[in-house]
Amino acid sequence: MEKFSSFRVISSTPFLVPVPPQERDLFITILIPIRAVVAVTRIAVIVVLISIHFVLVHVIGFICRPIPPLQDVISWLGTVMLARLALYVIGFWSMPTELIARKRGKILDNKWNPRAGDLIVSNWSSWIEVLWLAYQYNPLFVLPVANTPTASSARDASSISYTPGRKTGTGSAAISSFDRVSLLEIISSTGNTPSAPSSVPSRSLDDIRHSARSPVVVFPECTTSNGRGLLRFADVFNGASVPTKGYSLFLMCVRCYINPLRHLFQICTSLSPQSISIRQLPLSESPSSQLFMVNEVVPEPRSDVLAEVCAVLIARMGKIKRVGFGWEDKYAFLEFYRGRRR
């Protein structure tokens, strides 16, 4: 892995998937046939759940478009059923959440209750938190649209390690708009970088939020990491004021080391329960609180103040190291990796 060492950050490898230690125990070897049968059974159940979800949300839901309340109920039923049962099948039987206060000793009594048009902002490490968000809040997911970074510097891996995110020829301002996506679309997009503009018109985040009939989930990293570091947040809020006005903003942090969707079979072979860490910030301490003070969190804010504030608070909640890499660097890393494999 020496050829990828220039993409590593000190004590953090945000793009490379953590490799578990090899198990050579005799008992583990004996259980391989049983684990294979369990995995095939679980995947078959998940395929059935996806089929039911598709019929309910994309077929029956489309037919019910003239009646928006009925469409919302059918969409909620299909989404919650797929998300919760899928998590249960692959081993996430219990997924407790923890409310984290910015100041020690503060009594927390306000629970999360995001409404239509509110924003849920989180780091993005896997498709597991996508399923969790789906069954908890049935939100609207969005994916950023950006111009493709220039590939000329992607070949120069050594230079990227010194100036992360700047050698690609783009900055966080490259995020021009967003696409509304379904649950299945955002799950299949896990691990990818933002798509390039297409003929289908995209919309600004504010426009999507105003027309949404449910909370809107935003991943400012714009791509997934392996959970060991928080990627640089892109300027996705277009200079929104802090505190925010007209909507509430909910912050959460997820620690989960399951990233690419192709690892589904490996997860399904596990005979022990899976775990995930979900931490949430009380609404009274979020950037939407009118008592929120920016200078207490970010002494020297950059162009997108809200994005910087969210990054600092999420890193503190999850005790995650912030790294200099951004989605542009992951694009360069993937180009470099694919080029070496050709």
C-alpha atoms as a PDB file:
ATOM      1  CA  MET A   1       0.000   0.000   0.000  1.00  0.00           C
ATOM      2  CA  GLU A   2       3.027   2.259  -0.221  1.00  0.00           C
ATOM      3  CA  LYS A   3       1.795   3.739  -3.490  1.00  0.00           C
ATOM      4  CA  PHE A   4      -1.281   5.106  -1.648  1.00  0.00           C
ATOM      5  CA  SER A   5       0.666   6.454   1.314  1.00  0.00           C
ATOM      6  CA  SER A   6       0.524  10.041   0.052  1.00  0.00           C
ATOM      7  CA  PHE A   7      -3.242  10.008   0.529  1.00  0.00           C
ATOM      8  CA  ARG A   8      -2.920   9.095   4.187  1.00  0.00           C
ATOM      9  CA  VAL A   9      -3.273  11.610   6.997  1.00  0.00           C
ATOM     10  CA  ILE A  10      -1.287  11.274  10.196  1.00  0.00           C
ATOM     11  CA  SER A  11      -3.137   8.752  12.428  1.00  0.00           C
ATOM     12  CA  SER A  12      -6.080   8.799   9.994  1.00  0.00           C
ATOM     13  CA  THR A  13      -6.827   7.027   6.706  1.00  0.00           C
ATOM     14  CA  PRO A  14     -10.106   8.560   5.530  1.00  0.00           C
ATOM     15  CA  PHE A  15     -10.466   6.733   2.202  1.00  0.00           C
ATOM     16  CA  LEU A  16      -9.038   3.252   2.758  1.00  0.00           C
ATOM     17  CA  VAL A  17     -11.393   0.681   4.243  1.00  0.00           C
ATOM     18  CA  PRO A  18     -10.192  -0.641   7.618  1.00  0.00           C
ATOM     19  CA  VAL A  19      -8.929  -4.203   7.243  1.00  0.00           C
ATOM     20  CA  PRO A  20      -9.926  -6.464  10.156  1.00  0.00           C
ATOM     21  CA  PRO A  21      -7.379  -8.936  11.530  1.00  0.00           C
ATOM     22  CA  GLN A  22      -7.481 -12.351   9.932  1.00  0.00           C
ATOM     23  CA  GLU A  23      -9.204 -15.010  11.992  1.00  0.00           C
ATOM     24  CA  ARG A  24      -7.469 -18.390  11.881  1.00  0.00           C
ATOM     25  CA  ASP A  25      -9.309 -20.009  14.751  1.00  0.00           C
ATOM     26  CA  LEU A  26     -10.442 -23.622  14.085  1.00  0.00           C
ATOM     27  CA  PHE A  27     -13.931 -22.877  15.409  1.00  0.00           C
ATOM     28  CA  ILE A  28     -14.285 -19.984  12.956  1.00  0.00           C
ATOM     29  CA  THR A  29     -13.271 -22.272  10.099  1.00  0.00           C
ATOM     30  CA  ILE A  30     -15.851 -24.886  11.078  1.00  0.00           C
ATOM     31  CA  LEU A  31     -18.586 -22.245  11.087  1.00  0.00           C
ATOM     32  CA  ILE A  32     -17.865 -21.071   7.517  1.00  0.00           C
ATOM     33  CA  PRO A  33     -20.615 -23.232   5.887  1.00  0.00           C
ATOM     34  CA  ILE A  34     -23.170 -22.067   8.470  1.00  0.00           C
ATOM     35  CA  ARG A  35     -22.184 -18.437   8.018  1.00  0.00           C
ATOM     36  CA  ALA A  36     -22.501 -18.792   4.234  1.00  0.00           C
ATOM     37  CA  VAL A  37     -26.035 -20.186   4.556  1.00  0.00           C
ATOM     38  CA  VAL A  38     -26.975 -17.388   6.970  1.00  0.00           C
ATOM     39  CA  ALA A  39     -25.579 -14.774   4.573  1.00  0.00           C
ATOM     40  CA  VAL A  40     -27.484 -16.145   1.567  1.00  0.00           C
ATOM     41  CA  THR A  41     -30.701 -16.257   3.597  1.00  0.00           C
ATOM     42  CA  ARG A  42     -30.264 -12.693   4.829  1.00  0.00           C
ATOM     43  CA  ILE A  43     -29.529 -11.367   1.354  1.00  0.00           C
ATOM     44  CA  ALA A  44     -32.598 -13.152  -0.027  1.00  0.00           C
ATOM     45  CA  VAL A  45     -34.758 -11.479   2.633  1.00  0.00           C
ATOM     46  CA  ILE A  46     -33.227  -8.092   1.811  1.00  0.00           C
ATOM     47  CA  VAL A  47     -33.975  -8.589  -1.902  1.00  0.00           C
ATOM     48  CA  VAL A  48     -37.624  -9.316  -1.008  1.00  0.00           C
ATOM     49  CA  LEU A  49     -37.756  -6.185   1.174  1.00  0.00           C
ATOM     50  CA  ILE A  50     -36.303  -4.057  -1.627  1.00  0.00           C
ATOM     51  CA  SER A  51     -38.901  -5.433  -4.030  1.00  0.00           C
ATOM     52  CA  ILE A  52     -41.751  -4.611  -1.631  1.00  0.00           C
ATOM     53  CA  HIS A  53     -40.293  -1.132  -1.066  1.00  0.00           C
ATOM     54  CA  PHE A  54     -40.053  -0.509  -4.808  1.00  0.00           C
ATOM     55  CA  VAL A  55     -43.658  -1.578  -5.414  1.00  0.00           C
ATOM     56  CA  LEU A  56     -45.031   0.507  -2.537  1.00  0.00           C
ATOM     57  CA  VAL A  57     -42.988   3.680  -3.046  1.00  0.00           C
ATOM     58  CA  HIS A  58     -42.292   3.809  -6.771  1.00  0.00           C
ATOM     59  CA  VAL A  59     -45.350   2.051  -8.233  1.00  0.00           C
ATOM     60  CA  ILE A  60     -48.292   2.510  -5.864  1.00  0.00           C
ATOM     61  CA  GLY A  61     -46.858   5.821  -4.639  1.00  0.00           C
ATOM     62  CA  PHE A  62     -46.644   7.093  -8.226  1.00  0.00           C
ATOM     63  CA  ILE A  63     -50.251   6.108  -8.864  1.00  0.00           C
ATOM     64  CA  CYS A  64     -51.296   8.036  -5.742  1.00  0.00           C
ATOM     65  CA  ARG A  65     -49.496  11.255  -6.758  1.00  0.00           C
ATOM     66  CA  PRO A  66     -52.800  13.139  -7.259  1.00  0.00           C
ATOM     67  CA  ILE A  67     -53.454  12.587  -3.524  1.00  0.00           C
ATOM     68  CA  PRO A  68     -50.288  13.813  -1.734  1.00  0.00           C
ATOM     69  CA  PRO A  69     -51.334  12.777   1.829  1.00  0.00           C
ATOM     70  CA  LEU A  70     -52.014   9.205   0.659  1.00  0.00           C
ATOM     71  CA  GLN A  71     -48.736   9.150  -1.253  1.00  0.00           C
ATOM     72  CA  ASP A  72     -46.859  10.287   1.853  1.00  0.00           C
ATOM     73  CA  VAL A  73     -48.420   7.525   3.965  1.00  0.00           C
ATOM     74  CA  ILE A  74     -47.547   4.838   1.405  1.00  0.00           C
ATOM     75  CA  SER A  75     -44.014   6.203   1.048  1.00  0.00           C
ATOM     76  CA  TRP A  76     -43.571   6.260   4.832  1.00  0.00           C
ATOM     77  CA  LEU A  77     -44.823   2.669   5.147  1.00  0.00           C
ATOM     78  CA  GLY A  78     -42.566   1.333   2.394  1.00  0.00           C
ATOM     79  CA  THR A  79     -39.498   3.242   3.619  1.00  0.00           C
ATOM     80  CA  VAL A  80     -39.825   2.410   7.313  1.00  0.00           C
ATOM     81  CA  MET A  81     -40.534  -1.246   6.626  1.00  0.00           C
ATOM     82  CA  LEU A  82     -37.521  -1.662   4.336  1.00  0.00           C
ATOM     83  CA  ALA A  83     -35.104   0.308   6.501  1.00  0.00           C
ATOM     84  CA  ARG A  84     -35.884  -1.155   9.914  1.00  0.00           C
ATOM     85  CA  LEU A  85     -36.342  -4.748   8.799  1.00  0.00           C
ATOM     86  CA  ALA A  86     -33.184  -4.604   6.662  1.00  0.00           C
ATOM     87  CA  LEU A  87     -31.165  -3.333   9.621  1.00  0.00           C
ATOM     88  CA  TYR A  88     -32.639  -6.033  11.837  1.00  0.00           C
ATOM     89  CA  VAL A  89     -31.892  -8.767   9.297  1.00  0.00           C
ATOM     90  CA  ILE A  90     -28.198  -7.853   8.903  1.00  0.00           C
ATOM     91  CA  GLY A  91     -27.647  -7.739  12.668  1.00  0.00           C
ATOM     92  CA  PHE A  92     -28.432  -4.208  13.875  1.00  0.00           C
ATOM     93  CA  TRP A  93     -31.006  -5.323  16.441  1.00  0.00           C
ATOM     94  CA  SER A  94     -30.604  -2.309  18.682  1.00  0.00           C
ATOM     95  CA  MET A  95     -29.379   1.130  17.619  1.00  0.00           C
ATOM     96  CA  PRO A  96     -29.375   3.415  20.677  1.00  0.00           C
ATOM     97  CA  THR A  97     -28.765   7.135  20.322  1.00  0.00           C
ATOM     98  CA  GLU A  98     -26.930   9.441  22.696  1.00  0.00           C
ATOM     99  CA  LEU A  99     -27.733  13.104  23.258  1.00  0.00           C
ATOM    100  CA  ILE A 100     -24.478  15.048  23.649  1.00  0.00           C
ATOM    101  CA  ALA A 101     -24.357  18.490  25.280  1.00  0.00           C
ATOM    102  CA  ARG A 102     -21.701  21.025  24.332  1.00  0.00           C
ATOM    103  CA  LYS A 103     -21.265  21.981  27.975  1.00  0.00           C
ATOM    104  CA  ARG A 104     -20.723  19.442  30.717  1.00  0.00           C
ATOM    105  CA  GLY A 105     -23.303  19.049  33.426  1.00  0.00           C
ATOM    106  CA  LYS A 106     -26.136  20.471  31.371  1.00  0.00           C
ATOM    107  CA  ILE A 107     -29.472  18.666  31.730  1.00  0.00           C
ATOM    108  CA  LEU A 108     -30.811  17.499  28.384  1.00  0.00           C
ATOM    109  CA  ASP A 109     -34.531  17.081  27.995  1.00  0.00           C
ATOM    110  CA  ASN A 110     -35.326  18.169  24.426  1.00  0.00           C
ATOM    111  CA  LYS A 111     -35.685  15.265  21.998  1.00  0.00           C
ATOM    112  CA  TRP A 112     -35.288  15.399  18.263  1.00  0.00           C
ATOM    113  CA  ASN A 113     -38.476  16.135  16.329  1.00  0.00           C
ATOM    114  CA  PRO A 114     -37.493  17.392  12.848  1.00  0.00           C
ATOM    115  CA  ARG A 115     -40.375  18.658  10.720  1.00  0.00           C
ATOM    116  CA  ALA A 116     -40.929  19.345   7.050  1.00  0.00           C
ATOM    117  CA  GLY A 117     -38.301  21.740   5.717  1.00  0.00           C
ATOM    118  CA  ASP A 118     -35.878  21.269   8.610  1.00  0.00           C
ATOM    119  CA  LEU A 119     -32.300  20.159   7.886  1.00  0.00           C
ATOM    120  CA  ILE A 120     -30.559  17.119   9.339  1.00  0.00           C
ATOM    121  CA  VAL A 121     -26.780  17.442   8.929  1.00  0.00           C
ATOM    122  CA  SER A 122     -24.470  14.494   9.532  1.00  0.00           C
ATOM    123  CA  ASN A 123     -21.134  13.018   8.614  1.00  0.00           C
ATOM    124  CA  TRP A 124     -21.328  10.166   6.113  1.00  0.00           C
ATOM    125  CA  SER A 125     -19.456   6.937   6.720  1.00  0.00           C
ATOM    126  CA  SER A 126     -21.761   4.212   5.380  1.00  0.00           C
ATOM    127  CA  TRP A 127     -25.196   3.240   4.122  1.00  0.00           C
ATOM    128  CA  ILE A 128     -26.147   2.054   7.613  1.00  0.00           C
ATOM    129  CA  GLU A 129     -26.911   5.564   8.890  1.00  0.00           C
ATOM    130  CA  VAL A 130     -28.900   6.189   5.706  1.00  0.00           C
ATOM    131  CA  LEU A 131     -31.197   3.289   6.615  1.00  0.00           C
ATOM    132  CA  TRP A 132     -31.355   4.487  10.216  1.00  0.00           C
ATOM    133  CA  LEU A 133     -32.353   8.005   9.168  1.00  0.00           C
ATOM    134  CA  ALA A 134     -34.924   6.558   6.771  1.00  0.00           C
ATOM    135  CA  TYR A 135     -36.814   4.578   9.380  1.00  0.00           C
ATOM    136  CA  GLN A 136     -36.493   7.207  12.100  1.00  0.00           C
ATOM    137  CA  TYR A 137     -37.565  10.325  10.195  1.00  0.00           C
ATOM    138  CA  ASN A 138     -38.523   9.265   6.625  1.00  0.00           C
ATOM    139  CA  PRO A 139     -36.580  12.274   5.287  1.00  0.00           C
ATOM    140  CA  LEU A 140     -35.811  13.586   1.842  1.00  0.00           C
ATOM    141  CA  PHE A 141     -32.246  12.796   0.764  1.00  0.00           C
ATOM    142  CA  VAL A 142     -30.226  15.067  -1.499  1.00  0.00           C
ATOM    143  CA  LEU A 143     -26.951  14.571  -3.349  1.00  0.00           C
ATOM    144  CA  PRO A 144     -24.654  17.402  -4.478  1.00  0.00           C
ATOM    145  CA  VAL A 145     -23.966  18.218  -8.098  1.00  0.00           C
ATOM    146  CA  ALA A 146     -20.499  19.509  -8.992  1.00  0.00           C
ATOM    147  CA  ASN A 147     -18.194  19.992 -11.919  1.00  0.00           C
ATOM    148  CA  THR A 148     -15.714  17.156 -12.337  1.00  0.00           C
ATOM    149  CA  PRO A 149     -12.299  18.052 -10.852  1.00  0.00           C
ATOM    150  CA  THR A 150      -9.449  18.245 -13.343  1.00  0.00           C
ATOM    151  CA  ALA A 151      -7.687  14.907 -13.507  1.00  0.00           C
ATOM    152  CA  SER A 152      -4.248  16.287 -14.361  1.00  0.00           C
ATOM    153  CA  SER A 153      -3.225  16.621 -10.748  1.00  0.00           C
ATOM    154  CA  ALA A 154      -4.908  13.373  -9.743  1.00  0.00           C
ATOM    155  CA  ARG A 155      -1.869  11.557 -11.051  1.00  0.00           C
ATOM    156  CA  ASP A 156       0.408  13.573  -8.798  1.00  0.00           C
ATOM    157  CA  ALA A 157      -0.398  11.870  -5.518  1.00  0.00           C
ATOM    158  CA  SER A 158       2.566  13.318  -3.674  1.00  0.00           C
ATOM    159  CA  SER A 159       1.434  16.912  -4.158  1.00  0.00           C
ATOM    160  CA  ILE A 160      -2.089  16.220  -2.944  1.00  0.00           C
ATOM    161  CA  SER A 161      -0.884  15.161   0.478  1.00  0.00           C
ATOM    162  CA  TYR A 162       0.588  18.608   1.051  1.00  0.00           C
ATOM    163  CA  THR A 163      -2.261  20.715  -0.298  1.00  0.00           C
ATOM    164  CA  PRO A 164      -5.413  18.595   0.095  1.00  0.00           C
ATOM    165  CA  GLY A 165      -8.343  19.567  -2.012  1.00  0.00           C
ATOM    166  CA  ARG A 166      -6.618  22.425  -3.796  1.00  0.00           C
ATOM    167  CA  LYS A 167      -4.621  20.681  -6.515  1.00  0.00           C
ATOM    168  CA  THR A 168      -7.763  19.425  -8.243  1.00  0.00           C
ATOM    169  CA  GLY A 169      -8.559  22.849  -9.573  1.00  0.00           C
ATOM    170  CA  THR A 170     -11.802  23.130  -7.609  1.00  0.00           C
ATOM    171  CA  GLY A 171     -12.796  24.132  -4.146  1.00  0.00           C
ATOM    172  CA  SER A 172     -15.871  23.601  -2.080  1.00  0.00           C
ATOM    173  CA  ALA A 173     -17.545  26.317  -4.195  1.00  0.00           C
ATOM    174  CA  ALA A 174     -17.802  23.674  -6.979  1.00  0.00           C
ATOM    175  CA  ILE A 175     -21.016  22.403  -5.354  1.00  0.00           C
ATOM    176  CA  SER A 176     -23.502  24.192  -7.548  1.00  0.00           C
ATOM    177  CA  SER A 177     -26.820  22.497  -6.800  1.00  0.00           C
ATOM    178  CA  PHE A 178     -28.494  19.361  -5.460  1.00  0.00           C
ATOM    179  CA  ASP A 179     -30.578  16.471  -6.754  1.00  0.00           C
ATOM    180  CA  ARG A 180     -33.445  14.936  -4.838  1.00  0.00           C
ATOM    181  CA  VAL A 181     -32.853  11.188  -4.638  1.00  0.00           C
ATOM    182  CA  SER A 182     -34.738   8.173  -3.369  1.00  0.00           C
ATOM    183  CA  LEU A 183     -33.601   5.878  -0.584  1.00  0.00           C
ATOM    184  CA  LEU A 184     -32.350   3.248  -3.026  1.00  0.00           C
ATOM    185  CA  GLU A 185     -30.489   5.873  -5.066  1.00  0.00           C
ATOM    186  CA  ILE A 186     -28.564   7.303  -2.128  1.00  0.00           C
ATOM    187  CA  ILE A 187     -27.700   3.814  -0.878  1.00  0.00           C
ATOM    188  CA  SER A 188     -26.304   2.925  -4.300  1.00  0.00           C
ATOM    189  CA  SER A 189     -24.365   6.225  -4.298  1.00  0.00           C
ATOM    190  CA  THR A 190     -22.484   5.341  -1.111  1.00  0.00           C
ATOM    191  CA  GLY A 191     -18.759   5.684  -1.708  1.00  0.00           C
ATOM    192  CA  ASN A 192     -19.142   7.811  -4.832  1.00  0.00           C
ATOM    193  CA  THR A 193     -18.197  11.456  -5.330  1.00  0.00           C
ATOM    194  CA  PRO A 194     -20.658  14.156  -6.491  1.00  0.00           C
ATOM    195  CA  SER A 195     -22.076  13.672  -9.959  1.00  0.00           C
ATOM    196  CA  ALA A 196     -21.518  16.110 -12.801  1.00  0.00           C
ATOM    197  CA  PRO A 197     -24.332  18.393 -14.018  1.00  0.00           C
ATOM    198  CA  SER A 198     -26.747  16.661 -16.387  1.00  0.00           C
ATOM    199  CA  SER A 199     -29.636  17.644 -18.619  1.00  0.00           C
ATOM    200  CA  VAL A 200     -32.009  17.140 -15.689  1.00  0.00           C
ATOM    201  CA  PRO A 201     -32.290  20.502 -13.901  1.00  0.00           C
ATOM    202  CA  SER A 202     -30.983  20.554 -10.334  1.00  0.00           C
ATOM    203  CA  ARG A 203     -32.097  22.896  -7.578  1.00  0.00           C
ATOM    204  CA  SER A 204     -30.497  24.804  -4.756  1.00  0.00           C
ATOM    205  CA  LEU A 205     -30.670  23.395  -1.259  1.00  0.00           C
ATOM    206  CA  ASP A 206     -32.867  26.267  -0.132  1.00  0.00           C
ATOM    207  CA  ASP A 207     -35.384  25.651  -2.921  1.00  0.00           C
ATOM    208  CA  ILE A 208     -35.557  21.955  -2.080  1.00  0.00           C
ATOM    209  CA  ARG A 209     -36.021  22.724   1.596  1.00  0.00           C
ATOM    210  CA  HIS A 210     -38.891  25.134   0.955  1.00  0.00           C
ATOM    211  CA  SER A 211     -40.854  22.589  -1.101  1.00  0.00           C
ATOM    212  CA  ALA A 212     -40.064  19.505   1.009  1.00  0.00           C
ATOM    213  CA  ARG A 213     -42.875  17.672   2.807  1.00  0.00           C
ATOM    214  CA  SER A 214     -40.382  16.051   5.194  1.00  0.00           C
ATOM    215  CA  PRO A 215     -36.995  16.832   6.799  1.00  0.00           C
ATOM    216  CA  VAL A 216     -34.044  17.113   4.413  1.00  0.00           C
ATOM    217  CA  VAL A 217     -30.811  15.193   5.054  1.00  0.00           C
ATOM    218  CA  VAL A 218     -27.542  16.836   3.987  1.00  0.00           C
ATOM    219  CA  PHE A 219     -24.086  15.230   4.016  1.00  0.00           C
ATOM    220  CA  PRO A 220     -21.658  18.185   3.684  1.00  0.00           C
ATOM    221  CA  GLU A 221     -18.683  15.858   3.163  1.00  0.00           C
ATOM    222  CA  CYS A 222     -20.341  15.037  -0.196  1.00  0.00           C
ATOM    223  CA  THR A 223     -18.903  11.509  -0.106  1.00  0.00           C
ATOM    224  CA  THR A 224     -18.239   8.770   2.410  1.00  0.00           C
ATOM    225  CA  SER A 225     -15.143   8.274   4.516  1.00  0.00           C
ATOM    226  CA  ASN A 226     -14.222   5.187   6.500  1.00  0.00           C
ATOM    227  CA  GLY A 227     -15.332   6.830   9.758  1.00  0.00           C
ATOM    228  CA  ARG A 228     -11.817   7.405  11.097  1.00  0.00           C
ATOM    229  CA  GLY A 229     -11.655  11.037  10.071  1.00  0.00           C
ATOM    230  CA  LEU A 230     -14.057  13.865   9.252  1.00  0.00           C
ATOM    231  CA  LEU A 231     -13.559  15.099   5.696  1.00  0.00           C
ATOM    232  CA  ARG A 232     -13.523  18.786   4.879  1.00  0.00           C
ATOM    233  CA  PHE A 233     -17.075  20.122   4.593  1.00  0.00           C
ATOM    234  CA  ALA A 234     -17.947  21.659   1.240  1.00  0.00           C
ATOM    235  CA  ASP A 235     -19.675  25.032   1.012  1.00  0.00           C
ATOM    236  CA  VAL A 236     -23.152  23.537   0.693  1.00  0.00           C
ATOM    237  CA  PHE A 237     -25.179  26.182   2.530  1.00  0.00           C
ATOM    238  CA  ASN A 238     -24.393  29.139   0.242  1.00  0.00           C
ATOM    239  CA  GLY A 239     -23.573  31.583   2.996  1.00  0.00           C
ATOM    240  CA  ALA A 240     -26.622  30.865   5.183  1.00  0.00           C
ATOM    241  CA  SER A 241     -26.738  33.008   8.311  1.00  0.00           C
ATOM    242  CA  VAL A 242     -26.040  31.655  11.784  1.00  0.00           C
ATOM    243  CA  PRO A 243     -28.303  31.289  13.720  1.00  0.00           C
ATOM    244  CA  THR A 244     -30.463  29.978  10.899  1.00  0.00           C
ATOM    245  CA  LYS A 245     -33.814  31.588  10.226  1.00  0.00           C
ATOM    246  CA  GLY A 246     -37.054  29.933   9.170  1.00  0.00           C
ATOM    247  CA  TYR A 247     -36.038  26.342   9.861  1.00  0.00           C
ATOM    248  CA  SER A 248     -34.403  24.162  12.502  1.00  0.00           C
ATOM    249  CA  LEU A 249     -31.068  22.450  12.014  1.00  0.00           C
ATOM    250  CA  PHE A 250     -30.328  19.084  13.637  1.00  0.00           C
ATOM    251  CA  LEU A 251     -26.748  17.799  13.948  1.00  0.00           C
ATOM    252  CA  MET A 252     -25.685  14.188  14.422  1.00  0.00           C
ATOM    253  CA  CYS A 253     -22.474  12.186  14.291  1.00  0.00           C
ATOM    254  CA  VAL A 254     -22.163   8.534  13.275  1.00  0.00           C
ATOM    255  CA  ARG A 255     -19.301   6.131  13.919  1.00  0.00           C
ATOM    256  CA  CYS A 256     -19.609   3.078  11.707  1.00  0.00           C
ATOM    257  CA  TYR A 257     -16.796   1.312   9.857  1.00  0.00           C
ATOM    258  CA  ILE A 258     -18.967  -0.341   7.199  1.00  0.00           C
ATOM    259  CA  ASN A 259     -18.634   1.560   3.953  1.00  0.00           C
ATOM    260  CA  PRO A 260     -18.948   0.066   0.464  1.00  0.00           C
ATOM    261  CA  LEU A 261     -22.259  -1.585  -0.358  1.00  0.00           C
ATOM    262  CA  ARG A 262     -20.381  -4.610  -1.722  1.00  0.00           C
ATOM    263  CA  HIS A 263     -19.485  -5.512   1.876  1.00  0.00           C
ATOM    264  CA  LEU A 264     -23.097  -6.571   2.431  1.00  0.00           C
ATOM    265  CA  PHE A 265     -22.238 -10.272   2.061  1.00  0.00           C
ATOM    266  CA  GLN A 266     -19.384  -9.964   4.549  1.00  0.00           C
ATOM    267  CA  ILE A 267     -21.705  -8.277   7.073  1.00  0.00           C
ATOM    268  CA  CYS A 268     -24.387 -10.910   6.572  1.00  0.00           C
ATOM    269  CA  THR A 269     -21.969 -13.715   7.424  1.00  0.00           C
ATOM    270  CA  SER A 270     -21.558 -12.368  10.966  1.00  0.00           C
ATOM    271  CA  LEU A 271     -23.325 -14.384  13.662  1.00  0.00           C
ATOM    272  CA  SER A 272     -22.961 -11.677  16.321  1.00  0.00           C
ATOM    273  CA  PRO A 273     -24.953  -8.434  16.609  1.00  0.00           C
ATOM    274  CA  GLN A 274     -23.621  -5.363  14.798  1.00  0.00           C
ATOM    275  CA  SER A 275     -23.086  -2.041  16.552  1.00  0.00           C
ATOM    276  CA  ILE A 276     -23.118   1.611  15.576  1.00  0.00           C
ATOM    277  CA  SER A 277     -22.572   4.836  17.499  1.00  0.00           C
ATOM    278  CA  ILE A 278     -25.099   7.635  16.889  1.00  0.00           C
ATOM    279  CA  ARG A 279     -24.710  10.907  18.740  1.00  0.00           C
ATOM    280  CA  GLN A 280     -27.084  13.843  18.454  1.00  0.00           C
ATOM    281  CA  LEU A 281     -26.809  17.482  19.464  1.00  0.00           C
ATOM    282  CA  PRO A 282     -29.775  18.965  21.367  1.00  0.00           C
ATOM    283  CA  LEU A 283     -31.769  21.423  19.297  1.00  0.00           C
ATOM    284  CA  SER A 284     -31.257  24.073  21.977  1.00  0.00           C
ATOM    285  CA  GLU A 285     -27.495  23.963  21.260  1.00  0.00           C
ATOM    286  CA  SER A 286     -27.625  23.718  17.472  1.00  0.00           C
ATOM    287  CA  PRO A 287     -26.830  26.562  15.047  1.00  0.00           C
ATOM    288  CA  SER A 288     -30.585  27.148  14.652  1.00  0.00           C
ATOM    289  CA  SER A 289     -30.941  28.248  18.275  1.00  0.00           C
ATOM    290  CA  GLN A 290     -31.324  32.018  18.518  1.00  0.00           C
ATOM    291  CA  LEU A 291     -28.933  31.966  21.498  1.00  0.00           C
ATOM    292  CA  PHE A 292     -26.151  30.318  19.468  1.00  0.00           C
ATOM    293  CA  MET A 293     -22.885  32.283  19.413  1.00  0.00           C
ATOM    294  CA  VAL A 294     -20.675  31.658  16.381  1.00  0.00           C
ATOM    295  CA  ASN A 295     -17.483  32.972  17.975  1.00  0.00           C
ATOM    296  CA  GLU A 296     -17.760  30.344  20.723  1.00  0.00           C
ATOM    297  CA  VAL A 297     -17.344  27.610  18.107  1.00  0.00           C
ATOM    298  CA  VAL A 298     -15.493  29.192  15.177  1.00  0.00           C
ATOM    299  CA  PRO A 299     -13.241  32.147  16.095  1.00  0.00           C
ATOM    300  CA  GLU A 300     -12.345  32.838  12.441  1.00  0.00           C
ATOM    301  CA  PRO A 301     -15.204  31.640  10.195  1.00  0.00           C
ATOM    302  CA  ARG A 302     -14.637  31.087   6.484  1.00  0.00           C
ATOM    303  CA  SER A 303     -16.968  31.843   3.565  1.00  0.00           C
ATOM    304  CA  ASP A 304     -19.619  29.271   4.495  1.00  0.00           C
ATOM    305  CA  VAL A 305     -19.966  29.905   8.220  1.00  0.00           C
ATOM    306  CA  LEU A 306     -22.726  27.343   8.731  1.00  0.00           C
ATOM    307  CA  ALA A 307     -20.696  24.545   7.103  1.00  0.00           C
ATOM    308  CA  GLU A 308     -17.682  25.324   9.314  1.00  0.00           C
ATOM    309  CA  VAL A 309     -19.805  25.465  12.463  1.00  0.00           C
ATOM    310  CA  CYS A 310     -21.425  22.122  11.625  1.00  0.00           C
ATOM    311  CA  ALA A 311     -18.025  20.520  10.982  1.00  0.00           C
ATOM    312  CA  VAL A 312     -16.630  21.681  14.326  1.00  0.00           C
ATOM    313  CA  LEU A 313     -19.686  20.553  16.305  1.00  0.00           C
ATOM    314  CA  ILE A 314     -19.903  17.140  14.611  1.00  0.00           C
ATOM    315  CA  ALA A 315     -16.191  16.515  15.176  1.00  0.00           C
ATOM    316  CA  ARG A 316     -16.568  17.388  18.859  1.00  0.00           C
ATOM    317  CA  MET A 317     -19.644  15.215  19.289  1.00  0.00           C
ATOM    318  CA  GLY A 318     -18.044  12.136  17.795  1.00  0.00           C
ATOM    319  CA  LYS A 319     -14.498  12.926  18.958  1.00  0.00           C
ATOM    320  CA  ILE A 320     -13.375  12.543  15.352  1.00  0.00           C
ATOM    321  CA  LYS A 321     -10.211  14.058  13.956  1.00  0.00           C
ATOM    322  CA  ARG A 322     -10.839  16.604  11.209  1.00  0.00           C
ATOM    323  CA  VAL A 323      -8.643  15.983   8.173  1.00  0.00           C
ATOM    324  CA  GLY A 324      -7.719  18.298   5.324  1.00  0.00           C
ATOM    325  CA  PHE A 325      -9.010  15.992   2.614  1.00  0.00           C
ATOM    326  CA  GLY A 326     -12.281  16.732   0.833  1.00  0.00           C
ATOM    327  CA  TRP A 327     -14.422  15.052  -1.780  1.00  0.00           C
ATOM    328  CA  GLU A 328     -12.103  16.383  -4.502  1.00  0.00           C
ATOM    329  CA  ASP A 329      -9.237  14.401  -2.993  1.00  0.00           C
ATOM    330  CA  LYS A 330     -11.312  11.243  -2.933  1.00  0.00           C
ATOM    331  CA  TYR A 331     -12.047  11.755  -6.607  1.00  0.00           C
ATOM    332  CA  ALA A 332      -8.310  12.090  -7.235  1.00  0.00           C
ATOM    333  CA  PHE A 333      -7.619   9.031  -5.095  1.00  0.00           C
ATOM    334  CA  LEU A 334     -10.122   6.909  -7.032  1.00  0.00           C
ATOM    335  CA  GLU A 335      -8.682   8.096 -10.343  1.00  0.00           C
ATOM    336  CA  PHE A 336      -5.177   7.279  -9.131  1.00  0.00           C
ATOM    337  CA  TYR A 337      -6.279   3.860  -7.843  1.00  0.00           C
ATOM    338  CA  ARG A 338      -8.123   2.915 -11.047  1.00  0.00           C
ATOM    339  CA  GLY A 339      -5.235   4.152 -13.184  1.00  0.00           C
ATOM    340  CA  ARG A 340      -2.757   1.927 -11.359  1.00  0.00           C
ATOM    341  CA  ARG A 341      -5.038  -1.105 -11.761  1.00  0.00           C
ATOM    342  CA  ARG A 342      -5.332  -0.734 -15.528  1.00  0.00           C
END
